[in-house]
Amino acid sequence: MAQSIKDGRSAQDSPLLSVVIPVYNVEKYLRECLDSIVNQTYKNLEIIIVNDCSPDNSESIILEYAEKDDRIVYIKHDVNRGLWGARQSGVFAASGDYVLHVDSDDYIMPELCRKLAGLMSQEPDCIVYNIKNSKGENWYNRNLKNFYGDEFFKSFLSIDIAKGYLCQKVYKSAILKKVFQELNIQDRFTIDEDSLVNVCASYYCKKVLYLNYLGYMYDVCNESGTTRQKRDLKYCTHVFYQFKISISHMKKFFKSHNLDIKMLSFIEYRMYKYLIELSENLSYSDKKEFVAVILAEREFAVGVFMSLIYTYPKNNEHSPHKNNEYAALKDMNLTRRVKHLAKIETKRILKRLGLFELVKRLAGRH
């Protein structure tokens, strides 16, 4: 017999929370994920599972749970649309006041939804809570607090709001639907969709509440899920082009709202830095090929390498002059090529990317 949504509680007395779970190739982890959701102490949930053409046995598991729990809404894509498309389908199908995203290879703590519902009565635009990964690392953030006005938007562009994970934030469904409709992305978008959603959604958030509760367990070990794959040359190149899609749509969003795209400097820098870190374990030949791919994209290449070489002063503990990513560049004798490339139009490009002001800001902090 299907489980009752209300479970002894009137729906009028508690807000409906929609939980969106994109599914692709995760049968090994899916039961743990779904168990953590259907067994929440808070029962007024709409559980939206989006099967993005998963090639494994995930569908039979979904149907098994749907037979037992009438809160489950099952959506099956005809073609694989990637993580962005799966999240979008779930958001558009949501009828709850708020939307919680849970990746199908992760799980949530039993009290999370109840605690979220307690804050929903205050009608925030977003709720942020704590997250922990499967390696036992707490991804808390000292900058997490309540935000009002445009504080959240500005903070997201200047500090690392708990690594920017979408699954660590609950937004009003109306805000997410507006963002997905406005962006109208047709690309198959599978990486960094979190940053794009968060940056754009934060623009509409004027009241953000911080829930000091460890509510989400993020699996960094699964290599077959919605976002984790083998870190080879093919993957690194894929990430590079996905970042290009992400930053391109961010800039379009900013321009449509008459916002200065230089405000995206910090987010661009994090993307650039991650690209180099990602390539650390590649073979020497693959690393050179990956760098060649980046250098072929003239303006993006300048942002990637110049941000690493010049962003931090040498006496900074985080200076790239003291870590492997800089050593890799130096070993490949790329610094001379990058400097030569940058000299051609350094001021115009760096100012356009916002990196020129970023260098001055970061240098002034140390």
Protein backbone atom coordinates (compact mmCIF):
# COMPACT_ATOMS: atom_id res chain seq x y z
CA MET A 1 0.00 0.00 0.00
CA ALA A 2 1.31 3.43 -0.94
CA GLN A 3 2.48 5.68 1.86
CA SER A 4 0.29 8.65 2.70
CA ILE A 5 1.75 12.07 2.05
CA LYS A 6 0.12 13.66 5.04
CA ASP A 7 0.89 10.92 7.52
CA GLY A 8 -1.40 12.36 10.19
CA ARG A 9 -0.57 15.97 9.37
CA SER A 10 -2.68 18.41 7.38
CA ALA A 11 -1.05 19.73 4.22
CA GLN A 12 -2.49 23.13 5.06
CA ASP A 13 -0.45 23.15 8.26
CA SER A 14 2.89 22.48 6.59
CA PRO A 15 4.48 23.67 3.33
CA LEU A 16 5.00 21.21 0.49
CA LEU A 17 8.67 20.63 -0.26
CA SER A 18 9.57 19.26 -3.70
CA VAL A 19 12.66 17.05 -3.83
CA VAL A 20 14.27 16.69 -7.27
CA ILE A 21 16.53 13.66 -7.89
CA PRO A 22 18.25 13.35 -11.30
CA VAL A 23 19.17 9.74 -12.05
CA TYR A 24 21.83 8.39 -14.37
CA ASN A 25 23.85 5.18 -13.93
CA VAL A 26 23.58 5.05 -10.13
CA GLU A 27 21.86 1.77 -9.29
CA LYS A 28 24.58 0.97 -6.73
CA TYR A 29 23.74 4.09 -4.71
CA LEU A 30 20.11 4.82 -5.57
CA ARG A 31 18.43 2.82 -2.78
CA GLU A 32 20.42 4.60 -0.07
CA CYS A 33 19.50 7.94 -1.62
CA LEU A 34 15.78 7.18 -1.93
CA ASP A 35 15.62 5.61 1.55
CA SER A 36 17.03 8.81 3.03
CA ILE A 37 14.27 10.81 1.36
CA VAL A 38 11.18 8.62 1.82
CA ASN A 39 12.11 8.08 5.48
CA GLN A 40 12.39 11.76 6.34
CA THR A 41 10.64 12.69 9.61
CA TYR A 42 8.89 15.45 7.64
CA LYS A 43 6.29 13.82 5.41
CA ASN A 44 4.80 16.57 3.25
CA LEU A 45 7.14 15.92 0.34
CA GLU A 46 6.80 15.71 -3.41
CA ILE A 47 9.57 13.36 -4.57
CA ILE A 48 10.38 13.97 -8.24
CA ILE A 49 12.70 11.39 -9.79
CA VAL A 50 14.04 12.20 -13.26
CA ASN A 51 15.49 9.25 -15.19
CA ASP A 52 17.86 10.74 -17.76
CA CYS A 53 18.01 7.57 -19.90
CA SER A 54 20.00 5.66 -17.31
CA PRO A 55 21.51 2.53 -18.96
CA ASP A 56 21.59 0.43 -15.78
CA ASN A 57 18.93 -1.05 -13.51
CA SER A 58 17.94 2.29 -11.97
CA GLU A 59 14.47 2.34 -13.52
CA SER A 60 13.36 -0.90 -11.87
CA ILE A 61 14.46 0.51 -8.50
CA ILE A 62 12.54 3.73 -9.14
CA LEU A 63 9.38 1.83 -10.09
CA GLU A 64 9.71 -0.33 -6.99
CA TYR A 65 9.77 2.74 -4.74
CA ALA A 66 7.01 4.50 -6.70
CA GLU A 67 4.73 1.49 -6.14
CA LYS A 68 5.15 1.85 -2.39
CA ASP A 69 5.07 5.65 -2.02
CA ASP A 70 2.47 7.83 -3.72
CA ARG A 71 4.55 10.95 -3.10
CA ILE A 72 6.86 9.90 -5.93
CA VAL A 73 6.52 11.57 -9.33
CA TYR A 74 8.44 9.67 -12.01
CA ILE A 75 9.75 11.45 -15.12
CA LYS A 76 11.60 9.53 -17.84
CA HIS A 77 13.49 11.32 -20.62
CA ASP A 78 13.31 10.01 -24.18
CA VAL A 79 16.86 11.21 -24.82
CA ASN A 80 19.76 11.92 -22.49
CA ARG A 81 19.70 15.64 -21.71
CA GLY A 82 22.46 15.85 -19.13
CA LEU A 83 22.30 17.06 -15.56
CA TRP A 84 21.00 20.51 -16.48
CA GLY A 85 18.12 19.04 -18.46
CA ALA A 86 17.25 16.59 -15.68
CA ARG A 87 17.21 19.31 -13.03
CA GLN A 88 15.15 21.53 -15.32
CA SER A 89 12.53 18.82 -15.86
CA GLY A 90 12.26 18.32 -12.12
CA VAL A 91 11.96 22.02 -11.35
CA PHE A 92 9.26 22.60 -13.97
CA ALA A 93 7.30 19.62 -12.60
CA ALA A 94 7.56 20.82 -8.99
CA SER A 95 4.36 21.95 -7.29
CA GLY A 96 5.93 22.59 -3.89
CA ASP A 97 6.70 25.98 -2.40
CA TYR A 98 10.41 25.14 -2.29
CA VAL A 99 12.75 22.80 -4.18
CA LEU A 100 15.48 20.64 -2.67
CA HIS A 101 17.99 19.02 -5.05
CA VAL A 102 19.49 15.66 -4.11
CA ASP A 103 21.97 13.90 -6.39
CA SER A 104 21.09 10.22 -6.71
CA ASP A 105 24.45 9.01 -5.43
CA ASP A 106 24.22 11.13 -2.26
CA TYR A 107 21.86 11.04 0.71
CA ILE A 108 20.34 13.42 3.27
CA MET A 109 20.01 13.26 7.03
CA PRO A 110 16.63 12.23 8.56
CA GLU A 111 15.75 15.62 10.06
CA LEU A 112 16.78 17.85 7.16
CA CYS A 113 13.36 18.37 5.59
CA ARG A 114 11.69 18.96 8.96
CA LYS A 115 14.25 21.60 9.85
CA LEU A 116 13.90 23.21 6.43
CA ALA A 117 10.11 23.31 6.80
CA GLY A 118 10.53 25.10 10.12
CA LEU A 119 12.33 27.94 8.35
CA MET A 120 10.02 27.97 5.32
CA SER A 121 7.33 29.53 7.48
CA GLN A 122 9.50 32.68 7.50
CA GLU A 123 9.22 32.74 3.69
CA PRO A 124 12.91 33.08 2.79
CA ASP A 125 13.97 33.04 -0.85
CA CYS A 126 16.66 30.48 -0.04
CA ILE A 127 17.90 28.33 2.86
CA VAL A 128 21.54 27.23 3.09
CA TYR A 129 22.75 24.38 5.31
CA ASN A 130 25.90 22.36 6.00
CA ILE A 131 27.28 19.54 3.87
CA LYS A 132 29.82 16.76 4.45
CA ASN A 133 31.58 14.57 1.90
CA SER A 134 32.15 10.82 1.93
CA LYS A 135 35.78 11.34 2.91
CA GLY A 136 34.62 12.79 6.22
CA GLU A 137 35.41 16.41 5.35
CA ASN A 138 32.95 19.00 6.66
CA TRP A 139 32.30 21.56 3.96
CA TYR A 140 31.10 24.20 6.34
CA ASN A 141 31.79 27.82 5.53
CA ARG A 142 32.62 30.54 8.02
CA ASN A 143 30.89 33.02 5.70
CA LEU A 144 27.50 31.31 6.00
CA LYS A 145 24.94 33.44 7.80
CA ASN A 146 21.59 35.08 7.15
CA PHE A 147 21.71 37.37 4.09
CA TYR A 148 19.39 40.26 3.25
CA GLY A 149 18.94 42.54 0.26
CA ASP A 150 21.66 41.90 -2.31
CA GLU A 151 24.16 40.53 0.26
CA PHE A 152 23.80 36.92 -0.88
CA PHE A 153 24.28 37.77 -4.55
CA LYS A 154 27.36 39.90 -3.89
CA SER A 155 28.81 37.40 -1.44
CA PHE A 156 28.38 34.57 -3.88
CA LEU A 157 30.47 36.49 -6.39
CA SER A 158 33.29 37.24 -3.97
CA ILE A 159 33.59 34.26 -1.58
CA ASP A 160 33.21 30.51 -1.77
CA ILE A 161 29.69 29.91 -0.41
CA ALA A 162 30.35 26.34 0.73
CA LYS A 163 31.73 25.46 -2.70
CA GLY A 164 28.57 26.54 -4.48
CA TYR A 165 26.73 23.23 -4.43
CA LEU A 166 23.09 23.43 -5.51
CA CYS A 167 22.24 20.41 -3.33
CA GLN A 168 23.23 22.45 -0.28
CA LYS A 169 20.65 25.17 -0.92
CA VAL A 170 16.86 25.16 -1.03
CA TYR A 171 15.30 27.83 -3.22
CA LYS A 172 11.73 28.98 -3.70
CA SER A 173 10.41 27.02 -6.64
CA ALA A 174 9.22 30.25 -8.29
CA ILE A 175 12.79 31.57 -8.36
CA LEU A 176 14.22 28.39 -9.87
CA LYS A 177 11.50 28.23 -12.52
CA LYS A 178 12.19 31.83 -13.44
CA VAL A 179 15.94 31.15 -13.77
CA PHE A 180 15.50 28.04 -15.92
CA GLN A 181 12.99 29.81 -18.15
CA GLU A 182 15.16 32.88 -18.47
CA LEU A 183 18.35 30.99 -19.32
CA ASN A 184 16.55 28.67 -21.76
CA ILE A 185 19.62 26.49 -22.26
CA GLN A 186 19.44 23.97 -25.10
CA ASP A 187 23.02 22.70 -24.78
CA ARG A 188 23.67 19.32 -23.19
CA PHE A 189 25.02 20.76 -19.97
CA THR A 190 26.48 18.33 -17.43
CA ILE A 191 29.17 20.14 -15.42
CA ASP A 192 29.12 23.34 -13.33
CA GLU A 193 25.38 23.74 -13.71
CA ASP A 194 25.41 24.30 -9.92
CA SER A 195 27.37 27.54 -10.27
CA LEU A 196 25.19 28.82 -13.08
CA VAL A 197 21.94 28.16 -11.19
CA ASN A 198 23.28 29.58 -7.93
CA VAL A 199 24.71 32.76 -9.44
CA CYS A 200 21.51 33.55 -11.33
CA ALA A 201 19.12 32.46 -8.57
CA SER A 202 21.04 34.44 -5.93
CA TYR A 203 20.28 37.60 -7.91
CA TYR A 204 16.59 37.16 -6.99
CA CYS A 205 17.23 36.24 -3.33
CA LYS A 206 16.60 39.09 -0.93
CA LYS A 207 16.18 36.96 2.18
CA VAL A 208 18.44 33.96 2.76
CA LEU A 209 18.45 31.99 6.01
CA TYR A 210 21.29 29.83 7.28
CA LEU A 211 20.39 26.49 8.88
CA ASN A 212 23.31 25.37 11.04
CA TYR A 213 22.67 21.67 10.49
CA LEU A 214 24.68 18.95 8.76
CA GLY A 215 21.96 17.83 6.38
CA TYR A 216 23.66 16.51 3.26
CA MET A 217 26.20 13.75 2.60
CA TYR A 218 28.03 14.18 -0.69
CA ASP A 219 29.66 11.15 -2.30
CA VAL A 220 33.03 12.09 -3.82
CA CYS A 221 33.99 8.46 -4.41
CA ASN A 222 31.39 7.42 -6.96
CA GLU A 223 32.89 7.54 -10.45
CA SER A 224 29.74 6.52 -12.31
CA GLY A 225 27.14 9.00 -11.12
CA THR A 226 25.65 12.19 -12.46
CA THR A 227 28.84 14.25 -12.30
CA ARG A 228 31.87 12.11 -11.37
CA GLN A 229 33.86 10.52 -14.19
CA LYS A 230 37.37 9.37 -14.98
CA ARG A 231 39.76 12.32 -15.01
CA ASP A 232 41.44 11.60 -18.36
CA LEU A 233 42.20 13.94 -21.26
CA LYS A 234 38.73 13.47 -22.74
CA TYR A 235 37.11 14.42 -19.45
CA CYS A 236 39.40 17.43 -18.89
CA THR A 237 38.59 18.73 -22.36
CA HIS A 238 34.88 18.18 -21.73
CA VAL A 239 35.09 20.18 -18.49
CA PHE A 240 36.82 23.02 -20.32
CA TYR A 241 34.03 23.35 -22.88
CA GLN A 242 31.35 22.96 -20.20
CA PHE A 243 32.93 25.85 -18.29
CA LYS A 244 32.74 27.91 -21.44
CA ILE A 245 29.01 27.20 -21.67
CA SER A 246 28.53 28.12 -18.02
CA ILE A 247 30.41 31.41 -18.07
CA SER A 248 28.83 32.35 -21.40
CA HIS A 249 25.32 32.01 -19.96
CA MET A 250 26.32 33.85 -16.78
CA LYS A 251 27.50 36.78 -18.88
CA LYS A 252 24.30 36.76 -20.94
CA PHE A 253 22.29 36.80 -17.71
CA PHE A 254 24.34 39.71 -16.36
CA LYS A 255 23.97 41.71 -19.54
CA SER A 256 20.22 41.14 -19.62
CA HIS A 257 20.01 42.63 -16.11
CA ASN A 258 22.46 45.45 -16.82
CA LEU A 259 25.03 43.98 -14.43
CA ASP A 260 28.77 44.45 -14.84
CA ILE A 261 30.29 41.16 -16.07
CA LYS A 262 33.48 42.06 -14.18
CA MET A 263 31.59 40.96 -11.09
CA LEU A 264 32.13 37.40 -12.34
CA SER A 265 35.91 37.65 -11.90
CA PHE A 266 36.13 35.45 -8.81
CA ILE A 267 33.96 32.72 -10.30
CA GLU A 268 36.01 32.76 -13.50
CA TYR A 269 39.19 32.50 -11.49
CA ARG A 270 37.89 29.44 -9.63
CA MET A 271 37.04 27.82 -12.97
CA TYR A 272 40.50 28.54 -14.37
CA LYS A 273 42.26 27.24 -11.28
CA TYR A 274 40.20 24.05 -11.28
CA LEU A 275 41.08 23.38 -14.92
CA ILE A 276 44.79 23.34 -14.14
CA GLU A 277 44.32 21.28 -10.98
CA LEU A 278 42.25 18.82 -13.00
CA SER A 279 45.10 18.23 -15.41
CA GLU A 280 47.71 17.48 -12.73
CA ASN A 281 47.42 13.69 -13.07
CA LEU A 282 47.50 13.61 -16.85
CA SER A 283 50.52 12.20 -18.63
CA TYR A 284 53.02 14.72 -19.96
CA SER A 285 51.81 14.31 -23.54
CA ASP A 286 48.12 14.53 -22.56
CA LYS A 287 48.84 17.59 -20.45
CA LYS A 288 50.46 19.35 -23.40
CA GLU A 289 47.49 18.44 -25.59
CA PHE A 290 45.07 19.75 -22.98
CA VAL A 291 46.98 23.01 -22.76
CA ALA A 292 46.91 23.25 -26.56
CA VAL A 293 43.11 22.96 -26.45
CA ILE A 294 42.94 25.84 -23.97
CA LEU A 295 45.45 27.98 -25.86
CA ALA A 296 43.35 27.57 -29.02
CA GLU A 297 40.64 29.59 -27.27
CA ARG A 298 42.56 32.84 -27.23
CA GLU A 299 40.76 34.96 -24.64
CA PHE A 300 39.87 32.08 -22.38
CA ALA A 301 43.51 30.93 -22.43
CA VAL A 302 44.75 34.27 -21.19
CA GLY A 303 42.30 34.16 -18.30
CA VAL A 304 43.27 30.61 -17.37
CA PHE A 305 47.01 31.00 -17.29
CA MET A 306 47.45 34.63 -16.38
CA SER A 307 45.19 34.24 -13.37
CA LEU A 308 47.40 31.41 -12.10
CA ILE A 309 50.73 33.05 -12.80
CA TYR A 310 49.98 36.60 -11.69
CA THR A 311 46.96 36.61 -9.41
CA TYR A 312 48.77 35.98 -6.11
CA PRO A 313 51.99 37.61 -4.93
CA LYS A 314 54.89 35.20 -4.46
CA ASN A 315 54.87 35.48 -0.67
CA ASN A 316 51.26 34.33 -0.47
CA GLU A 317 50.81 30.85 1.01
CA HIS A 318 48.34 30.08 -1.78
CA SER A 319 50.67 31.38 -4.46
CA PRO A 320 50.78 29.24 -7.62
CA HIS A 321 54.56 29.77 -7.47
CA LYS A 322 54.54 27.33 -4.56
CA ASN A 323 52.33 24.55 -5.87
CA ASN A 324 52.23 21.82 -8.48
CA GLU A 325 50.03 23.59 -10.99
CA TYR A 326 52.60 26.35 -11.47
CA ALA A 327 55.41 23.80 -11.59
CA ALA A 328 53.56 21.98 -14.35
CA LEU A 329 53.35 25.15 -16.39
CA LYS A 330 57.00 25.91 -15.79
CA ASP A 331 58.07 22.36 -16.71
CA MET A 332 56.30 22.66 -20.03
CA ASN A 333 58.00 25.98 -20.69
CA LEU A 334 54.59 27.57 -21.12
CA THR A 335 55.09 30.69 -19.05
CA ARG A 336 57.05 32.36 -21.86
CA ARG A 337 54.36 31.50 -24.42
CA VAL A 338 51.57 32.71 -22.15
CA LYS A 339 53.37 35.98 -21.40
CA HIS A 340 53.90 36.55 -25.11
CA LEU A 341 50.24 35.80 -25.82
CA ALA A 342 49.11 38.15 -23.06
CA LYS A 343 51.30 41.05 -24.25
CA ILE A 344 49.30 41.33 -27.46
CA GLU A 345 46.18 42.64 -25.78
CA THR A 346 46.71 42.23 -22.04
CA LYS A 347 44.87 45.30 -20.82
CA ARG A 348 41.80 44.85 -22.99
CA ILE A 349 41.36 41.16 -22.26
CA LEU A 350 42.19 41.22 -18.56
CA LYS A 351 39.93 44.21 -17.99
CA ARG A 352 37.16 42.55 -19.96
CA LEU A 353 37.52 39.40 -17.86
CA GLY A 354 37.78 41.45 -14.69
CA LEU A 355 41.10 39.81 -13.85
CA PHE A 356 42.99 43.12 -13.83
CA GLU A 357 40.99 44.43 -10.88
CA LEU A 358 41.04 40.99 -9.27
CA VAL A 359 44.83 41.01 -9.22
CA LYS A 360 44.86 44.38 -7.47
CA ARG A 361 42.23 43.29 -4.93
CA LEU A 362 43.96 40.06 -4.01
CA ALA A 363 47.39 41.65 -3.86
CA GLY A 364 46.03 44.29 -1.50
CA ARG A 365 44.80 41.66 0.98
CA HIS A 366 48.26 40.27 1.74
